[in-house]
Amino acid sequence: YMDRLFEPFERLGAEQGPIEGTGLGLALSMQLVELM
């Protein structure tokens, strides 16, 4: 999944597990850092 790490809504297979998440955090973080 490494090539899809920073894509929106991509949870790298964790969507089947008990850990909550949206898959947006890394995608948003990358774009915010680049904007800065």
PDB file of all heavy atoms in Angstrom:
ATOM      1  N   TYR A   1       0.807  -1.217   0.000  1.00  0.00           N
ATOM      2  CA  TYR A   1       0.000   0.000   0.000  1.00  0.00           C
ATOM      3  C   TYR A   1       0.845   1.274   0.000  1.00  0.00           C
ATOM      4  O   TYR A   1       0.279   2.368   0.030  1.00  0.00           O
ATOM      5  CB  TYR A   1      -0.910   0.029   1.233  1.00  0.00           C
ATOM      6  CG  TYR A   1      -1.957  -1.056   1.280  1.00  0.00           C
ATOM      7  CD1 TYR A   1      -1.735  -2.222   1.984  1.00  0.00           C
ATOM      8  CD2 TYR A   1      -3.171  -0.906   0.619  1.00  0.00           C
ATOM      9  CE1 TYR A   1      -2.693  -3.223   2.053  1.00  0.00           C
ATOM     10  CE2 TYR A   1      -4.132  -1.896   0.670  1.00  0.00           C
ATOM     11  CZ  TYR A   1      -3.893  -3.054   1.387  1.00  0.00           C
ATOM     12  OH  TYR A   1      -4.847  -4.038   1.441  1.00  0.00           O
ATOM     13  N   MET A   2       2.163   1.158   0.003  1.00  0.00           N
ATOM     14  CA  MET A   2       3.004   2.336   0.194  1.00  0.00           C
ATOM     15  C   MET A   2       2.792   3.407  -0.864  1.00  0.00           C
ATOM     16  O   MET A   2       2.858   4.596  -0.566  1.00  0.00           O
ATOM     17  CB  MET A   2       4.482   1.917   0.221  1.00  0.00           C
ATOM     18  CG  MET A   2       4.879   1.149   1.475  1.00  0.00           C
ATOM     19  SD  MET A   2       4.654   2.106   2.979  1.00  0.00           S
ATOM     20  CE  MET A   2       5.897   3.369   2.753  1.00  0.00           C
ATOM     21  N   ASP A   3       2.512   2.996  -2.106  1.00  0.00           N
ATOM     22  CA  ASP A   3       2.329   3.989  -3.162  1.00  0.00           C
ATOM     23  C   ASP A   3       0.998   4.725  -3.042  1.00  0.00           C
ATOM     24  O   ASP A   3       0.767   5.706  -3.742  1.00  0.00           O
ATOM     25  CB  ASP A   3       2.447   3.328  -4.544  1.00  0.00           C
ATOM     26  CG  ASP A   3       1.430   2.215  -4.736  1.00  0.00           C
ATOM     27  OD1 ASP A   3       0.916   1.699  -3.722  1.00  0.00           O
ATOM     28  OD2 ASP A   3       1.157   1.855  -5.901  1.00  0.00           O
ATOM     29  N   ARG A   4       0.107   4.270  -2.161  1.00  0.00           N
ATOM     30  CA  ARG A   4      -1.185   4.933  -1.974  1.00  0.00           C
ATOM     31  C   ARG A   4      -1.287   5.574  -0.594  1.00  0.00           C
ATOM     32  O   ARG A   4      -2.374   5.912  -0.137  1.00  0.00           O
ATOM     33  CB  ARG A   4      -2.322   3.925  -2.150  1.00  0.00           C
ATOM     34  CG  ARG A   4      -2.280   3.178  -3.473  1.00  0.00           C
ATOM     35  CD  ARG A   4      -3.662   2.703  -3.905  1.00  0.00           C
ATOM     36  NE  ARG A   4      -4.318   1.875  -2.905  1.00  0.00           N
ATOM     37  CZ  ARG A   4      -4.246   0.548  -2.850  1.00  0.00           C
ATOM     38  NH1 ARG A   4      -3.503  -0.095  -3.743  1.00  0.00           N
ATOM     39  NH2 ARG A   4      -4.884  -0.145  -1.936  1.00  0.00           N
ATOM     40  N   LEU A   5      -0.126   5.751   0.053  1.00  0.00           N
ATOM     41  CA  LEU A   5      -0.097   6.187   1.438  1.00  0.00           C
ATOM     42  C   LEU A   5      -0.765   7.540   1.649  1.00  0.00           C
ATOM     43  O   LEU A   5      -1.486   7.752   2.629  1.00  0.00           O
ATOM     44  CB  LEU A   5       1.359   6.246   1.921  1.00  0.00           C
ATOM     45  CG  LEU A   5       1.586   6.577   3.394  1.00  0.00           C
ATOM     46  CD1 LEU A   5       0.956   5.530   4.286  1.00  0.00           C
ATOM     47  CD2 LEU A   5       3.076   6.695   3.681  1.00  0.00           C
ATOM     48  N   PHE A   6      -0.556   8.476   0.724  1.00  0.00           N
ATOM     49  CA  PHE A   6      -1.061   9.840   0.905  1.00  0.00           C
ATOM     50  C   PHE A   6      -2.298  10.127   0.057  1.00  0.00           C
ATOM     51  O   PHE A   6      -2.610  11.291  -0.206  1.00  0.00           O
ATOM     52  CB  PHE A   6       0.050  10.845   0.580  1.00  0.00           C
ATOM     53  CG  PHE A   6       1.200  10.789   1.544  1.00  0.00           C
ATOM     54  CD1 PHE A   6       2.361  10.101   1.228  1.00  0.00           C
ATOM     55  CD2 PHE A   6       1.123  11.404   2.775  1.00  0.00           C
ATOM     56  CE1 PHE A   6       3.425  10.038   2.108  1.00  0.00           C
ATOM     57  CE2 PHE A   6       2.182  11.359   3.671  1.00  0.00           C
ATOM     58  CZ  PHE A   6       3.329  10.670   3.341  1.00  0.00           C
ATOM     59  N   GLU A   7      -3.001   9.094  -0.364  1.00  0.00           N
ATOM     60  CA  GLU A   7      -4.229   9.287  -1.126  1.00  0.00           C
ATOM     61  C   GLU A   7      -5.417   9.413  -0.175  1.00  0.00           C
ATOM     62  O   GLU A   7      -5.468   8.733   0.859  1.00  0.00           O
ATOM     63  CB  GLU A   7      -4.455   8.117  -2.091  1.00  0.00           C
ATOM     64  CG  GLU A   7      -3.439   8.055  -3.221  1.00  0.00           C
ATOM     65  CD  GLU A   7      -3.754   6.939  -4.198  1.00  0.00           C
ATOM     66  OE1 GLU A   7      -4.839   6.318  -4.057  1.00  0.00           O
ATOM     67  OE2 GLU A   7      -2.932   6.685  -5.094  1.00  0.00           O
ATOM     68  N   PRO A   8      -6.398  10.288  -0.509  1.00  0.00           N
ATOM     69  CA  PRO A   8      -7.559  10.455   0.372  1.00  0.00           C
ATOM     70  C   PRO A   8      -8.348   9.156   0.518  1.00  0.00           C
ATOM     71  O   PRO A   8      -8.470   8.375  -0.425  1.00  0.00           O
ATOM     72  CB  PRO A   8      -8.391  11.531  -0.338  1.00  0.00           C
ATOM     73  CG  PRO A   8      -7.429  12.246  -1.225  1.00  0.00           C
ATOM     74  CD  PRO A   8      -6.418  11.217  -1.643  1.00  0.00           C
ATOM     75  N   PHE A   9      -8.885   8.946   1.710  1.00  0.00           N
ATOM     76  CA  PHE A   9      -9.743   7.810   2.061  1.00  0.00           C
ATOM     77  C   PHE A   9      -9.022   6.468   1.942  1.00  0.00           C
ATOM     78  O   PHE A   9      -9.659   5.430   1.909  1.00  0.00           O
ATOM     79  CB  PHE A   9     -11.022   7.786   1.203  1.00  0.00           C
ATOM     80  CG  PHE A   9     -11.860   9.018   1.341  1.00  0.00           C
ATOM     81  CD1 PHE A   9     -11.868   9.989   0.345  1.00  0.00           C
ATOM     82  CD2 PHE A   9     -12.633   9.216   2.475  1.00  0.00           C
ATOM     83  CE1 PHE A   9     -12.640  11.134   0.479  1.00  0.00           C
ATOM     84  CE2 PHE A   9     -13.405  10.366   2.617  1.00  0.00           C
ATOM     85  CZ  PHE A   9     -13.407  11.321   1.620  1.00  0.00           C
ATOM     86  N   GLU A  10      -7.694   6.478   1.902  1.00  0.00           N
ATOM     87  CA  GLU A  10      -6.929   5.233   1.832  1.00  0.00           C
ATOM     88  C   GLU A  10      -6.432   4.903   3.233  1.00  0.00           C
ATOM     89  O   GLU A  10      -5.634   5.652   3.817  1.00  0.00           O
ATOM     90  CB  GLU A  10      -5.744   5.392   0.871  1.00  0.00           C
ATOM     91  CG  GLU A  10      -4.895   4.146   0.749  1.00  0.00           C
ATOM     92  CD  GLU A  10      -5.687   2.942   0.310  1.00  0.00           C
ATOM     93  OE1 GLU A  10      -6.226   2.964  -0.814  1.00  0.00           O
ATOM     94  OE2 GLU A  10      -5.794   1.987   1.104  1.00  0.00           O
ATOM     95  N   ARG A  11      -6.868   3.753   3.787  1.00  0.00           N
ATOM     96  CA  ARG A  11      -6.494   3.372   5.148  1.00  0.00           C
ATOM     97  C   ARG A  11      -5.526   2.197   5.183  1.00  0.00           C
ATOM     98  O   ARG A  11      -5.309   1.598   6.230  1.00  0.00           O
ATOM     99  CB  ARG A  11      -7.739   3.056   5.979  1.00  0.00           C
ATOM    100  CG  ARG A  11      -8.681   4.265   6.170  1.00  0.00           C
ATOM    101  CD  ARG A  11      -9.588   4.040   7.340  1.00  0.00           C
ATOM    102  NE  ARG A  11      -8.820   3.854   8.564  1.00  0.00           N
ATOM    103  CZ  ARG A  11      -9.255   3.116   9.594  1.00  0.00           C
ATOM    104  NH1 ARG A  11     -10.427   2.491   9.523  1.00  0.00           N
ATOM    105  NH2 ARG A  11      -8.506   2.986  10.675  1.00  0.00           N
ATOM    106  N   LEU A  12      -4.982   1.832   4.053  1.00  0.00           N
ATOM    107  CA  LEU A  12      -3.932   0.820   3.971  1.00  0.00           C
ATOM    108  C   LEU A  12      -4.360  -0.518   4.570  1.00  0.00           C
ATOM    109  O   LEU A  12      -3.587  -1.201   5.245  1.00  0.00           O
ATOM    110  CB  LEU A  12      -2.664   1.312   4.692  1.00  0.00           C
ATOM    111  CG  LEU A  12      -2.147   2.700   4.299  1.00  0.00           C
ATOM    112  CD1 LEU A  12      -0.870   3.018   5.048  1.00  0.00           C
ATOM    113  CD2 LEU A  12      -1.950   2.806   2.818  1.00  0.00           C
ATOM    114  N   GLY A  13      -5.621  -0.877   4.340  1.00  0.00           N
ATOM    115  CA  GLY A  13      -6.109  -2.166   4.822  1.00  0.00           C
ATOM    116  C   GLY A  13      -6.632  -2.138   6.240  1.00  0.00           C
ATOM    117  O   GLY A  13      -7.178  -3.136   6.717  1.00  0.00           O
ATOM    118  N   ALA A  14      -6.485  -1.019   6.949  1.00  0.00           N
ATOM    119  CA  ALA A  14      -6.919  -0.949   8.345  1.00  0.00           C
ATOM    120  C   ALA A  14      -8.426  -0.769   8.482  1.00  0.00           C
ATOM    121  O   ALA A  14      -8.953  -0.801   9.592  1.00  0.00           O
ATOM    122  CB  ALA A  14      -6.204   0.205   9.058  1.00  0.00           C
ATOM    123  N   GLU A  15      -9.123  -0.558   7.347  1.00  0.00           N
ATOM    124  CA  GLU A  15     -10.573  -0.363   7.431  1.00  0.00           C
ATOM    125  C   GLU A  15     -11.295  -1.596   7.944  1.00  0.00           C
ATOM    126  O   GLU A  15     -12.447  -1.518   8.394  1.00  0.00           O
ATOM    127  CB  GLU A  15     -11.130   0.045   6.059  1.00  0.00           C
ATOM    128  CG  GLU A  15     -10.904  -0.973   4.957  1.00  0.00           C
ATOM    129  CD  GLU A  15      -9.576  -0.786   4.266  1.00  0.00           C
ATOM    130  OE1 GLU A  15      -8.768   0.028   4.740  1.00  0.00           O
ATOM    131  OE2 GLU A  15      -9.345  -1.476   3.252  1.00  0.00           O
ATOM    132  N   GLN A  16     -10.636  -2.769   7.881  1.00  0.00           N
ATOM    133  CA  GLN A  16     -11.243  -3.997   8.379  1.00  0.00           C
ATOM    134  C   GLN A  16     -10.973  -4.207   9.868  1.00  0.00           C
ATOM    135  O   GLN A  16     -11.528  -5.132  10.462  1.00  0.00           O
ATOM    136  CB  GLN A  16     -10.708  -5.209   7.589  1.00  0.00           C
ATOM    137  CG  GLN A  16     -10.844  -5.090   6.081  1.00  0.00           C
ATOM    138  CD  GLN A  16     -12.292  -4.960   5.639  1.00  0.00           C
ATOM    139  OE1 GLN A  16     -13.184  -5.509   6.284  1.00  0.00           O
ATOM    140  NE2 GLN A  16     -12.530  -4.239   4.558  1.00  0.00           N
ATOM    141  N   GLY A  17     -10.138  -3.382  10.459  1.00  0.00           N
ATOM    142  CA  GLY A  17      -9.767  -3.569  11.857  1.00  0.00           C
ATOM    143  C   GLY A  17     -10.590  -2.712  12.794  1.00  0.00           C
ATOM    144  O   GLY A  17     -11.493  -1.978  12.386  1.00  0.00           O
ATOM    145  N   PRO A  18     -10.286  -2.769  14.091  1.00  0.00           N
ATOM    146  CA  PRO A  18     -11.074  -2.036  15.095  1.00  0.00           C
ATOM    147  C   PRO A  18     -10.680  -0.569  15.240  1.00  0.00           C
ATOM    148  O   PRO A  18     -11.356   0.179  15.942  1.00  0.00           O
ATOM    149  CB  PRO A  18     -10.756  -2.809  16.376  1.00  0.00           C
ATOM    150  CG  PRO A  18      -9.367  -3.324  16.167  1.00  0.00           C
ATOM    151  CD  PRO A  18      -9.254  -3.621  14.706  1.00  0.00           C
ATOM    152  N   ILE A  19      -9.581  -0.126  14.599  1.00  0.00           N
ATOM    153  CA  ILE A  19      -9.092   1.240  14.784  1.00  0.00           C
ATOM    154  C   ILE A  19      -9.900   2.202  13.922  1.00  0.00           C
ATOM    155  O   ILE A  19     -10.028   2.016  12.712  1.00  0.00           O
ATOM    156  CB  ILE A  19      -7.597   1.336  14.431  1.00  0.00           C
ATOM    157  CG1 ILE A  19      -6.788   0.375  15.306  1.00  0.00           C
ATOM    158  CG2 ILE A  19      -7.094   2.753  14.615  1.00  0.00           C
ATOM    159  CD1 ILE A  19      -5.319   0.324  14.945  1.00  0.00           C
ATOM    160  N   GLU A  20     -10.449   3.243  14.575  1.00  0.00           N
ATOM    161  CA  GLU A  20     -11.240   4.230  13.848  1.00  0.00           C
ATOM    162  C   GLU A  20     -10.339   5.128  13.015  1.00  0.00           C
ATOM    163  O   GLU A  20      -9.188   5.397  13.366  1.00  0.00           O
ATOM    164  CB  GLU A  20     -12.054   5.078  14.826  1.00  0.00           C
ATOM    165  CG  GLU A  20     -13.153   4.324  15.566  1.00  0.00           C
ATOM    166  CD  GLU A  20     -13.955   5.251  16.456  1.00  0.00           C
ATOM    167  OE1 GLU A  20     -13.543   6.412  16.625  1.00  0.00           O
ATOM    168  OE2 GLU A  20     -14.982   4.814  16.979  1.00  0.00           O
ATOM    169  N   GLY A  21     -10.891   5.618  11.917  1.00  0.00           N
ATOM    170  CA  GLY A  21     -10.143   6.543  11.061  1.00  0.00           C
ATOM    171  C   GLY A  21     -10.942   6.865   9.823  1.00  0.00           C
ATOM    172  O   GLY A  21     -11.916   6.191   9.487  1.00  0.00           O
ATOM    173  N   THR A  22     -10.516   7.933   9.145  1.00  0.00           N
ATOM    174  CA  THR A  22     -11.211   8.370   7.922  1.00  0.00           C
ATOM    175  C   THR A  22     -10.362   8.158   6.676  1.00  0.00           C
ATOM    176  O   THR A  22     -10.888   8.170   5.568  1.00  0.00           O
ATOM    177  CB  THR A  22     -11.562   9.862   8.018  1.00  0.00           C
ATOM    178  OG1 THR A  22     -10.360  10.634   8.117  1.00  0.00           O
ATOM    179  CG2 THR A  22     -12.434  10.127   9.239  1.00  0.00           C
ATOM    180  N   GLY A  23      -9.043   7.997   6.834  1.00  0.00           N
ATOM    181  CA  GLY A  23      -8.177   7.890   5.672  1.00  0.00           C
ATOM    182  C   GLY A  23      -7.884   9.225   5.022  1.00  0.00           C
ATOM    183  O   GLY A  23      -7.366   9.280   3.903  1.00  0.00           O
ATOM    184  N   LEU A  24      -8.204  10.323   5.719  1.00  0.00           N
ATOM    185  CA  LEU A  24      -7.964  11.656   5.161  1.00  0.00           C
ATOM    186  C   LEU A  24      -6.767  12.353   5.798  1.00  0.00           C
ATOM    187  O   LEU A  24      -6.235  13.318   5.251  1.00  0.00           O
ATOM    188  CB  LEU A  24      -9.205  12.541   5.345  1.00  0.00           C
ATOM    189  CG  LEU A  24     -10.424  12.190   4.508  1.00  0.00           C
ATOM    190  CD1 LEU A  24     -11.608  13.052   4.923  1.00  0.00           C
ATOM    191  CD2 LEU A  24     -10.139  12.380   3.040  1.00  0.00           C
ATOM    192  N   GLY A  25      -6.340  11.885   6.978  1.00  0.00           N
ATOM    193  CA  GLY A  25      -5.334  12.614   7.736  1.00  0.00           C
ATOM    194  C   GLY A  25      -4.016  12.793   7.012  1.00  0.00           C
ATOM    195  O   GLY A  25      -3.476  13.905   6.956  1.00  0.00           O
ATOM    196  N   LEU A  26      -3.464  11.715   6.445  1.00  0.00           N
ATOM    197  CA  LEU A  26      -2.162  11.823   5.779  1.00  0.00           C
ATOM    198  C   LEU A  26      -2.258  12.648   4.498  1.00  0.00           C
ATOM    199  O   LEU A  26      -1.359  13.434   4.184  1.00  0.00           O
ATOM    200  CB  LEU A  26      -1.614  10.435   5.480  1.00  0.00           C
ATOM    201  CG  LEU A  26      -1.116   9.635   6.691  1.00  0.00           C
ATOM    202  CD1 LEU A  26      -0.619   8.262   6.262  1.00  0.00           C
ATOM    203  CD2 LEU A  26      -0.008  10.393   7.421  1.00  0.00           C
ATOM    204  N   ALA A  27      -3.337  12.459   3.739  1.00  0.00           N
ATOM    205  CA  ALA A  27      -3.512  13.237   2.510  1.00  0.00           C
ATOM    206  C   ALA A  27      -3.587  14.723   2.825  1.00  0.00           C
ATOM    207  O   ALA A  27      -2.955  15.561   2.161  1.00  0.00           O
ATOM    208  CB  ALA A  27      -4.765  12.776   1.766  1.00  0.00           C
ATOM    209  N   LEU A  28      -4.363  15.071   3.855  1.00  0.00           N
ATOM    210  CA  LEU A  28      -4.484  16.476   4.240  1.00  0.00           C
ATOM    211  C   LEU A  28      -3.168  17.000   4.795  1.00  0.00           C
ATOM    212  O   LEU A  28      -2.759  18.124   4.490  1.00  0.00           O
ATOM    213  CB  LEU A  28      -5.605  16.625   5.276  1.00  0.00           C
ATOM    214  CG  LEU A  28      -5.864  18.028   5.813  1.00  0.00           C
ATOM    215  CD1 LEU A  28      -6.209  18.978   4.676  1.00  0.00           C
ATOM    216  CD2 LEU A  28      -6.971  18.007   6.857  1.00  0.00           C
ATOM    217  N   SER A  29      -2.480  16.192   5.595  1.00  0.00           N
ATOM    218  CA  SER A  29      -1.207  16.635   6.182  1.00  0.00           C
ATOM    219  C   SER A  29      -0.186  16.944   5.099  1.00  0.00           C
ATOM    220  O   SER A  29       0.525  17.956   5.171  1.00  0.00           O
ATOM    221  CB  SER A  29      -0.667  15.549   7.121  1.00  0.00           C
ATOM    222  OG  SER A  29      -1.532  15.361   8.221  1.00  0.00           O
ATOM    223  N   MET A  30      -0.091  16.077   4.090  1.00  0.00           N
ATOM    224  CA  MET A  30       0.875  16.314   3.020  1.00  0.00           C
ATOM    225  C   MET A  30       0.584  17.626   2.296  1.00  0.00           C
ATOM    226  O   MET A  30       1.500  18.435   2.050  1.00  0.00           O
ATOM    227  CB  MET A  30       0.852  15.161   2.023  1.00  0.00           C
ATOM    228  CG  MET A  30       1.899  15.303   0.922  1.00  0.00           C
ATOM    229  SD  MET A  30       1.784  14.030  -0.358  1.00  0.00           S
ATOM    230  CE  MET A  30       0.253  14.511  -1.159  1.00  0.00           C
ATOM    231  N   GLN A  31      -0.674  17.875   1.989  1.00  0.00           N
ATOM    232  CA  GLN A  31      -1.005  19.097   1.259  1.00  0.00           C
ATOM    233  C   GLN A  31      -0.803  20.328   2.129  1.00  0.00           C
ATOM    234  O   GLN A  31      -0.371  21.378   1.635  1.00  0.00           O
ATOM    235  CB  GLN A  31      -2.441  19.004   0.746  1.00  0.00           C
ATOM    236  CG  GLN A  31      -2.631  17.861  -0.243  1.00  0.00           C
ATOM    237  CD  GLN A  31      -3.921  17.965  -1.024  1.00  0.00           C
ATOM    238  OE1 GLN A  31      -4.243  19.001  -1.602  1.00  0.00           O
ATOM    239  NE2 GLN A  31      -4.679  16.877  -1.059  1.00  0.00           N
ATOM    240  N   LEU A  32      -1.103  20.241   3.428  1.00  0.00           N
ATOM    241  CA  LEU A  32      -0.878  21.383   4.311  1.00  0.00           C
ATOM    242  C   LEU A  32       0.613  21.694   4.424  1.00  0.00           C
ATOM    243  O   LEU A  32       1.017  22.860   4.378  1.00  0.00           O
ATOM    244  CB  LEU A  32      -1.461  21.095   5.696  1.00  0.00           C
ATOM    245  CG  LEU A  32      -2.982  21.117   5.813  1.00  0.00           C
ATOM    246  CD1 LEU A  32      -3.422  20.683   7.208  1.00  0.00           C
ATOM    247  CD2 LEU A  32      -3.545  22.493   5.490  1.00  0.00           C
ATOM    248  N   VAL A  33       1.433  20.665   4.579  1.00  0.00           N
ATOM    249  CA  VAL A  33       2.880  20.892   4.677  1.00  0.00           C
ATOM    250  C   VAL A  33       3.412  21.516   3.394  1.00  0.00           C
ATOM    251  O   VAL A  33       4.237  22.438   3.430  1.00  0.00           O
ATOM    252  CB  VAL A  33       3.604  19.568   4.991  1.00  0.00           C
ATOM    253  CG1 VAL A  33       5.122  19.736   4.860  1.00  0.00           C
ATOM    254  CG2 VAL A  33       3.267  19.095   6.397  1.00  0.00           C
ATOM    255  N   GLU A  34       2.951  21.044   2.253  1.00  0.00           N
ATOM    256  CA  GLU A  34       3.406  21.612   0.981  1.00  0.00           C
ATOM    257  C   GLU A  34       2.955  23.058   0.830  1.00  0.00           C
ATOM    258  O   GLU A  34       3.694  23.888   0.290  1.00  0.00           O
ATOM    259  CB  GLU A  34       2.901  20.751  -0.172  1.00  0.00           C
ATOM    260  CG  GLU A  34       3.596  19.384  -0.244  1.00  0.00           C
ATOM    261  CD  GLU A  34       3.056  18.518  -1.366  1.00  0.00           C
ATOM    262  OE1 GLU A  34       2.025  18.898  -1.969  1.00  0.00           O
ATOM    263  OE2 GLU A  34       3.657  17.454  -1.637  1.00  0.00           O
ATOM    264  N   LEU A  35       1.741  23.380   1.295  1.00  0.00           N
ATOM    265  CA  LEU A  35       1.283  24.767   1.234  1.00  0.00           C
ATOM    266  C   LEU A  35       2.142  25.673   2.109  1.00  0.00           C
ATOM    267  O   LEU A  35       2.284  26.870   1.821  1.00  0.00           O
ATOM    268  CB  LEU A  35      -0.182  24.855   1.680  1.00  0.00           C
ATOM    269  CG  LEU A  35      -1.239  24.405   0.677  1.00  0.00           C
ATOM    270  CD1 LEU A  35      -2.621  24.456   1.309  1.00  0.00           C
ATOM    271  CD2 LEU A  35      -1.215  25.284  -0.574  1.00  0.00           C
ATOM    272  N   MET A  36       2.733  25.126   3.174  1.00  0.00           N
ATOM    273  CA  MET A  36       3.601  25.918   4.046  1.00  0.00           C
ATOM    274  C   MET A  36       5.041  25.952   3.552  1.00  0.00           C
ATOM    275  O   MET A  36       5.934  26.435   4.244  1.00  0.00           O
ATOM    276  CB  MET A  36       3.541  25.364   5.475  1.00  0.00           C
ATOM    277  CG  MET A  36       2.202  25.589   6.157  1.00  0.00           C
ATOM    278  SD  MET A  36       2.169  25.083   7.911  1.00  0.00           S
ATOM    279  CE  MET A  36       2.139  23.293   7.770  1.00  0.00           C
TER     280      MET A  36
END
